Amino acid sequence: MKTRMIVGLMLLAAMTGCGERREAAAPVEPAAAPAPERAVAPAVVTLGSVMPAYTAKLLDGSDFDVAKERGNVVFLNLWATWCGPCRYEIPELEKLHKDHGASRFKVVGVSVDEGGDQLVRDFVNEQKMTYPVALDPDGRLAEMLETTILPTSIILDREGKVVWKHFGVVTVSDPEMMKALEAALKS
């Protein structure tokens, strides 16, 4: 009987929380959130629109300013050193650069690597890339293109209008890309 009584008291204590008195906490009013800073949304690049302002530092230390490229046809290629498909398309971009360079045409690679300019410079030398390469570790162009896909490319005509946009690998055998490029070169 004594054992039953001890077990009963233990159960009673367990059920009542060992005799602790608990009070419900008063509801806490959430603190007023600070007014969010107005972030300036990047200009978005859409097919048929004029390319918004965009500048970046080139590997040679000079500035790349897309607005100053008016009069040229520009092939902007967003890429990274760690991107396998980007590596695959480098010979294709080199071919475009060499075949059409005399026609006021420029291929400009835009690296989103965050490892610094020496990492990109070493990669460019290793791959024997001859077209200009800009550094964009903050991914401003990626935001403008609304992409997380590498590579992503666009063609700008001589007035700076986006005439072609592509997510993924580029090849010179792509009839849509070549048609857009030839039309831009004739303008």
C-alpha atoms as a PDB file:
ATOM      1  CA  MET A   1       0.000   0.000   0.000  1.00  0.00           C
ATOM      2  CA  LYS A   2       2.881   2.331   0.805  1.00  0.00           C
ATOM      3  CA  THR A   3       4.378   1.736  -2.659  1.00  0.00           C
ATOM      4  CA  ARG A   4       1.047   2.523  -4.270  1.00  0.00           C
ATOM      5  CA  MET A   5       0.827   5.734  -2.349  1.00  0.00           C
ATOM      6  CA  ILE A   6       4.337   6.837  -3.375  1.00  0.00           C
ATOM      7  CA  VAL A   7       3.646   6.044  -7.026  1.00  0.00           C
ATOM      8  CA  GLY A   8       0.352   7.930  -6.812  1.00  0.00           C
ATOM      9  CA  LEU A   9       2.028  11.000  -5.321  1.00  0.00           C
ATOM     10  CA  MET A  10       4.697  10.885  -8.001  1.00  0.00           C
ATOM     11  CA  LEU A  11       2.047  10.740 -10.707  1.00  0.00           C
ATOM     12  CA  LEU A  12       0.140  13.588  -9.112  1.00  0.00           C
ATOM     13  CA  ALA A  13       3.325  15.695  -8.914  1.00  0.00           C
ATOM     14  CA  ALA A  14       4.162  14.929 -12.548  1.00  0.00           C
ATOM     15  CA  MET A  15       0.690  15.857 -13.706  1.00  0.00           C
ATOM     16  CA  THR A  16       0.675  19.142 -11.826  1.00  0.00           C
ATOM     17  CA  GLY A  17       4.136  20.184 -12.960  1.00  0.00           C
ATOM     18  CA  CYS A  18       5.929  19.386  -9.712  1.00  0.00           C
ATOM     19  CA  GLY A  19       3.970  22.056  -7.915  1.00  0.00           C
ATOM     20  CA  GLU A  20       5.243  24.940 -10.098  1.00  0.00           C
ATOM     21  CA  ARG A  21       2.893  27.747 -10.583  1.00  0.00           C
ATOM     22  CA  ARG A  22       2.812  28.883 -14.196  1.00  0.00           C
ATOM     23  CA  GLU A  23       1.295  32.080 -15.371  1.00  0.00           C
ATOM     24  CA  ALA A  24       0.476  32.855 -18.908  1.00  0.00           C
ATOM     25  CA  ALA A  25       2.809  35.418 -20.322  1.00  0.00           C
ATOM     26  CA  ALA A  26       1.284  38.633 -21.511  1.00  0.00           C
ATOM     27  CA  PRO A  27       1.302  38.894 -25.296  1.00  0.00           C
ATOM     28  CA  VAL A  28       4.276  40.819 -26.581  1.00  0.00           C
ATOM     29  CA  GLU A  29       3.598  43.586 -29.019  1.00  0.00           C
ATOM     30  CA  PRO A  30       5.946  43.329 -31.975  1.00  0.00           C
ATOM     31  CA  ALA A  31       8.328  46.225 -32.253  1.00  0.00           C
ATOM     32  CA  ALA A  32       7.631  48.553 -35.098  1.00  0.00           C
ATOM     33  CA  ALA A  33       9.798  47.511 -38.013  1.00  0.00           C
ATOM     34  CA  PRO A  34      12.071  50.213 -39.341  1.00  0.00           C
ATOM     35  CA  ALA A  35      10.974  51.626 -42.646  1.00  0.00           C
ATOM     36  CA  PRO A  36      12.702  49.635 -45.378  1.00  0.00           C
ATOM     37  CA  GLU A  37      15.222  51.492 -47.449  1.00  0.00           C
ATOM     38  CA  ARG A  38      14.075  51.915 -50.990  1.00  0.00           C
ATOM     39  CA  ALA A  39      16.332  49.713 -53.021  1.00  0.00           C
ATOM     40  CA  VAL A  40      16.800  50.830 -56.562  1.00  0.00           C
ATOM     41  CA  ALA A  41      15.703  47.987 -58.768  1.00  0.00           C
ATOM     42  CA  PRO A  42      18.103  47.283 -61.604  1.00  0.00           C
ATOM     43  CA  ALA A  43      16.928  48.132 -65.064  1.00  0.00           C
ATOM     44  CA  VAL A  44      15.682  45.017 -66.794  1.00  0.00           C
ATOM     45  CA  VAL A  45      16.896  43.941 -70.212  1.00  0.00           C
ATOM     46  CA  THR A  46      14.100  42.780 -72.492  1.00  0.00           C
ATOM     47  CA  LEU A  47      14.169  41.743 -76.097  1.00  0.00           C
ATOM     48  CA  GLY A  48      13.538  44.785 -78.277  1.00  0.00           C
ATOM     49  CA  SER A  49      14.430  47.344 -75.609  1.00  0.00           C
ATOM     50  CA  VAL A  50      17.459  49.596 -75.592  1.00  0.00           C
ATOM     51  CA  MET A  51      20.151  48.268 -73.267  1.00  0.00           C
ATOM     52  CA  PRO A  52      20.071  50.243 -70.014  1.00  0.00           C
ATOM     53  CA  ALA A  53      23.197  51.889 -68.634  1.00  0.00           C
ATOM     54  CA  TYR A  54      25.812  49.319 -67.647  1.00  0.00           C
ATOM     55  CA  THR A  55      29.487  49.749 -66.852  1.00  0.00           C
ATOM     56  CA  ALA A  56      32.159  47.362 -65.589  1.00  0.00           C
ATOM     57  CA  LYS A  57      35.930  47.236 -65.250  1.00  0.00           C
ATOM     58  CA  LEU A  58      37.761  45.335 -67.984  1.00  0.00           C
ATOM     59  CA  LEU A  59      40.676  43.048 -67.136  1.00  0.00           C
ATOM     60  CA  ASP A  60      43.086  45.518 -68.763  1.00  0.00           C
ATOM     61  CA  GLY A  61      41.987  48.155 -66.224  1.00  0.00           C
ATOM     62  CA  SER A  62      39.919  50.245 -68.612  1.00  0.00           C
ATOM     63  CA  ASP A  63      36.198  50.817 -68.283  1.00  0.00           C
ATOM     64  CA  PHE A  64      33.555  49.081 -70.341  1.00  0.00           C
ATOM     65  CA  ASP A  65      30.522  51.308 -70.845  1.00  0.00           C
ATOM     66  CA  VAL A  66      27.769  49.827 -72.982  1.00  0.00           C
ATOM     67  CA  ALA A  67      26.513  53.323 -73.870  1.00  0.00           C
ATOM     68  CA  LYS A  68      29.859  54.105 -75.519  1.00  0.00           C
ATOM     69  CA  GLU A  69      29.467  51.046 -77.752  1.00  0.00           C
ATOM     70  CA  ARG A  70      26.748  52.660 -79.878  1.00  0.00           C
ATOM     71  CA  GLY A  71      27.715  52.167 -83.511  1.00  0.00           C
ATOM     72  CA  ASN A  72      29.080  48.682 -82.763  1.00  0.00           C
ATOM     73  CA  VAL A  73      27.256  45.382 -82.613  1.00  0.00           C
ATOM     74  CA  VAL A  74      27.962  43.939 -79.164  1.00  0.00           C
ATOM     75  CA  PHE A  75      27.673  40.337 -78.040  1.00  0.00           C
ATOM     76  CA  LEU A  76      27.555  40.322 -74.224  1.00  0.00           C
ATOM     77  CA  ASN A  77      28.269  36.937 -72.690  1.00  0.00           C
ATOM     78  CA  LEU A  78      27.684  36.402 -68.958  1.00  0.00           C
ATOM     79  CA  TRP A  79      29.927  33.588 -67.650  1.00  0.00           C
ATOM     80  CA  ALA A  80      32.166  32.281 -64.831  1.00  0.00           C
ATOM     81  CA  THR A  81      35.436  30.336 -64.676  1.00  0.00           C
ATOM     82  CA  TRP A  82      33.792  27.461 -62.764  1.00  0.00           C
ATOM     83  CA  CYS A  83      30.972  27.049 -65.309  1.00  0.00           C
ATOM     84  CA  GLY A  84      31.465  23.974 -67.522  1.00  0.00           C
ATOM     85  CA  PRO A  85      29.108  25.088 -70.316  1.00  0.00           C
ATOM     86  CA  CYS A  86      30.837  28.487 -70.320  1.00  0.00           C
ATOM     87  CA  ARG A  87      34.169  26.771 -70.989  1.00  0.00           C
ATOM     88  CA  TYR A  88      32.580  24.790 -73.810  1.00  0.00           C
ATOM     89  CA  GLU A  89      31.400  27.885 -75.670  1.00  0.00           C
ATOM     90  CA  ILE A  90      34.675  29.873 -75.501  1.00  0.00           C
ATOM     91  CA  PRO A  91      35.903  28.564 -78.906  1.00  0.00           C
ATOM     92  CA  GLU A  92      32.511  29.531 -80.394  1.00  0.00           C
ATOM     93  CA  LEU A  93      32.818  33.061 -79.030  1.00  0.00           C
ATOM     94  CA  GLU A  94      36.416  33.271 -80.264  1.00  0.00           C
ATOM     95  CA  LYS A  95      35.209  32.298 -83.736  1.00  0.00           C
ATOM     96  CA  LEU A  96      32.527  35.017 -83.675  1.00  0.00           C
ATOM     97  CA  HIS A  97      35.086  37.532 -82.434  1.00  0.00           C
ATOM     98  CA  LYS A  98      37.583  36.695 -85.185  1.00  0.00           C
ATOM     99  CA  ASP A  99      35.089  36.250 -88.046  1.00  0.00           C
ATOM    100  CA  HIS A 100      33.160  39.487 -87.461  1.00  0.00           C
ATOM    101  CA  GLY A 101      35.592  41.802 -85.642  1.00  0.00           C
ATOM    102  CA  ALA A 102      36.272  43.838 -88.786  1.00  0.00           C
ATOM    103  CA  SER A 103      32.552  44.689 -89.025  1.00  0.00           C
ATOM    104  CA  ARG A 104      32.513  46.839 -85.873  1.00  0.00           C
ATOM    105  CA  PHE A 105      31.474  43.809 -83.851  1.00  0.00           C
ATOM    106  CA  LYS A 106      32.616  43.043 -80.315  1.00  0.00           C
ATOM    107  CA  VAL A 107      32.289  40.022 -78.110  1.00  0.00           C
ATOM    108  CA  VAL A 108      32.564  41.088 -74.473  1.00  0.00           C
ATOM    109  CA  GLY A 109      32.705  38.420 -71.789  1.00  0.00           C
ATOM    110  CA  VAL A 110      31.324  39.477 -68.425  1.00  0.00           C
ATOM    111  CA  SER A 111      32.682  37.347 -65.588  1.00  0.00           C
ATOM    112  CA  VAL A 112      30.612  37.002 -62.426  1.00  0.00           C
ATOM    113  CA  ASP A 113      33.487  35.325 -60.550  1.00  0.00           C
ATOM    114  CA  GLU A 114      33.947  36.544 -56.992  1.00  0.00           C
ATOM    115  CA  GLY A 115      37.552  35.314 -56.640  1.00  0.00           C
ATOM    116  CA  GLY A 116      39.208  38.490 -57.893  1.00  0.00           C
ATOM    117  CA  ASP A 117      40.647  39.670 -61.169  1.00  0.00           C
ATOM    118  CA  GLN A 118      43.770  37.467 -61.000  1.00  0.00           C
ATOM    119  CA  LEU A 119      41.634  34.298 -61.004  1.00  0.00           C
ATOM    120  CA  VAL A 120      39.821  35.511 -64.134  1.00  0.00           C
ATOM    121  CA  ARG A 121      43.036  36.767 -65.756  1.00  0.00           C
ATOM    122  CA  ASP A 122      44.711  33.365 -65.252  1.00  0.00           C
ATOM    123  CA  PHE A 123      41.669  31.607 -66.729  1.00  0.00           C
ATOM    124  CA  VAL A 124      41.573  33.948 -69.747  1.00  0.00           C
ATOM    125  CA  ASN A 125      45.274  33.309 -70.406  1.00  0.00           C
ATOM    126  CA  GLU A 126      44.852  29.542 -69.983  1.00  0.00           C
ATOM    127  CA  GLN A 127      41.925  29.491 -72.430  1.00  0.00           C
ATOM    128  CA  LYS A 128      43.668  31.907 -74.856  1.00  0.00           C
ATOM    129  CA  MET A 129      40.661  34.209 -74.908  1.00  0.00           C
ATOM    130  CA  THR A 130      41.293  37.266 -77.091  1.00  0.00           C
ATOM    131  CA  TYR A 131      38.026  39.159 -76.715  1.00  0.00           C
ATOM    132  CA  PRO A 132      37.649  41.712 -73.885  1.00  0.00           C
ATOM    133  CA  VAL A 133      36.535  40.460 -70.478  1.00  0.00           C
ATOM    134  CA  ALA A 134      34.772  42.611 -67.889  1.00  0.00           C
ATOM    135  CA  LEU A 135      34.511  41.870 -64.174  1.00  0.00           C
ATOM    136  CA  ASP A 136      31.093  41.899 -62.511  1.00  0.00           C
ATOM    137  CA  PRO A 137      31.458  40.033 -59.187  1.00  0.00           C
ATOM    138  CA  ASP A 138      28.289  41.686 -57.850  1.00  0.00           C
ATOM    139  CA  GLY A 139      26.237  40.186 -60.684  1.00  0.00           C
ATOM    140  CA  ARG A 140      24.673  43.472 -61.806  1.00  0.00           C
ATOM    141  CA  LEU A 141      24.358  42.268 -65.409  1.00  0.00           C
ATOM    142  CA  ALA A 142      22.800  38.988 -64.227  1.00  0.00           C
ATOM    143  CA  GLU A 143      20.181  41.025 -62.350  1.00  0.00           C
ATOM    144  CA  MET A 144      19.527  43.126 -65.426  1.00  0.00           C
ATOM    145  CA  LEU A 145      19.158  40.006 -67.555  1.00  0.00           C
ATOM    146  CA  GLU A 146      16.996  38.419 -64.838  1.00  0.00           C
ATOM    147  CA  THR A 147      19.014  35.236 -64.923  1.00  0.00           C
ATOM    148  CA  THR A 148      20.760  32.734 -62.714  1.00  0.00           C
ATOM    149  CA  ILE A 149      21.708  30.654 -65.745  1.00  0.00           C
ATOM    150  CA  LEU A 150      25.283  30.653 -66.964  1.00  0.00           C
ATOM    151  CA  PRO A 151      26.091  31.290 -69.685  1.00  0.00           C
ATOM    152  CA  THR A 152      23.562  33.895 -70.759  1.00  0.00           C
ATOM    153  CA  SER A 153      24.135  36.035 -73.839  1.00  0.00           C
ATOM    154  CA  ILE A 154      22.576  38.987 -75.645  1.00  0.00           C
ATOM    155  CA  ILE A 155      23.259  40.777 -78.909  1.00  0.00           C
ATOM    156  CA  LEU A 156      22.936  44.551 -79.107  1.00  0.00           C
ATOM    157  CA  ASP A 157      22.511  46.226 -82.484  1.00  0.00           C
ATOM    158  CA  ARG A 158      24.304  49.458 -83.436  1.00  0.00           C
ATOM    159  CA  GLU A 159      21.684  51.561 -81.631  1.00  0.00           C
ATOM    160  CA  GLY A 160      22.057  49.533 -78.434  1.00  0.00           C
ATOM    161  CA  LYS A 161      18.791  47.638 -78.862  1.00  0.00           C
ATOM    162  CA  VAL A 162      18.617  44.044 -77.603  1.00  0.00           C
ATOM    163  CA  VAL A 163      17.942  41.945 -80.702  1.00  0.00           C
ATOM    164  CA  TRP A 164      18.653  38.478 -79.277  1.00  0.00           C
ATOM    165  CA  LYS A 165      18.758  36.938 -75.791  1.00  0.00           C
ATOM    166  CA  HIS A 166      19.739  33.370 -74.985  1.00  0.00           C
ATOM    167  CA  PHE A 167      20.055  31.295 -71.801  1.00  0.00           C
ATOM    168  CA  GLY A 168      22.656  28.542 -72.151  1.00  0.00           C
ATOM    169  CA  VAL A 169      25.485  27.601 -74.478  1.00  0.00           C
ATOM    170  CA  VAL A 170      25.988  29.485 -77.742  1.00  0.00           C
ATOM    171  CA  THR A 171      27.188  27.850 -80.952  1.00  0.00           C
ATOM    172  CA  VAL A 172      27.912  29.403 -84.322  1.00  0.00           C
ATOM    173  CA  SER A 173      25.644  26.760 -85.846  1.00  0.00           C
ATOM    174  CA  ASP A 174      22.590  28.226 -84.059  1.00  0.00           C
ATOM    175  CA  PRO A 175      20.489  29.621 -86.924  1.00  0.00           C
ATOM    176  CA  GLU A 176      18.475  32.022 -84.720  1.00  0.00           C
ATOM    177  CA  MET A 177      21.601  33.557 -83.213  1.00  0.00           C
ATOM    178  CA  MET A 178      23.335  33.873 -86.578  1.00  0.00           C
ATOM    179  CA  LYS A 179      20.212  35.415 -88.161  1.00  0.00           C
ATOM    180  CA  ALA A 180      20.022  38.029 -85.357  1.00  0.00           C
ATOM    181  CA  LEU A 181      23.761  38.711 -85.629  1.00  0.00           C
ATOM    182  CA  GLU A 182      23.716  39.113 -89.415  1.00  0.00           C
ATOM    183  CA  ALA A 183      20.702  41.471 -89.237  1.00  0.00           C
ATOM    184  CA  ALA A 184      22.446  43.560 -86.555  1.00  0.00           C
ATOM    185  CA  LEU A 185      25.649  43.710 -88.589  1.00  0.00           C
ATOM    186  CA  LYS A 186      23.728  44.963 -91.644  1.00  0.00           C
ATOM    187  CA  SER A 187      22.017  47.744 -89.686  1.00  0.00           C
END
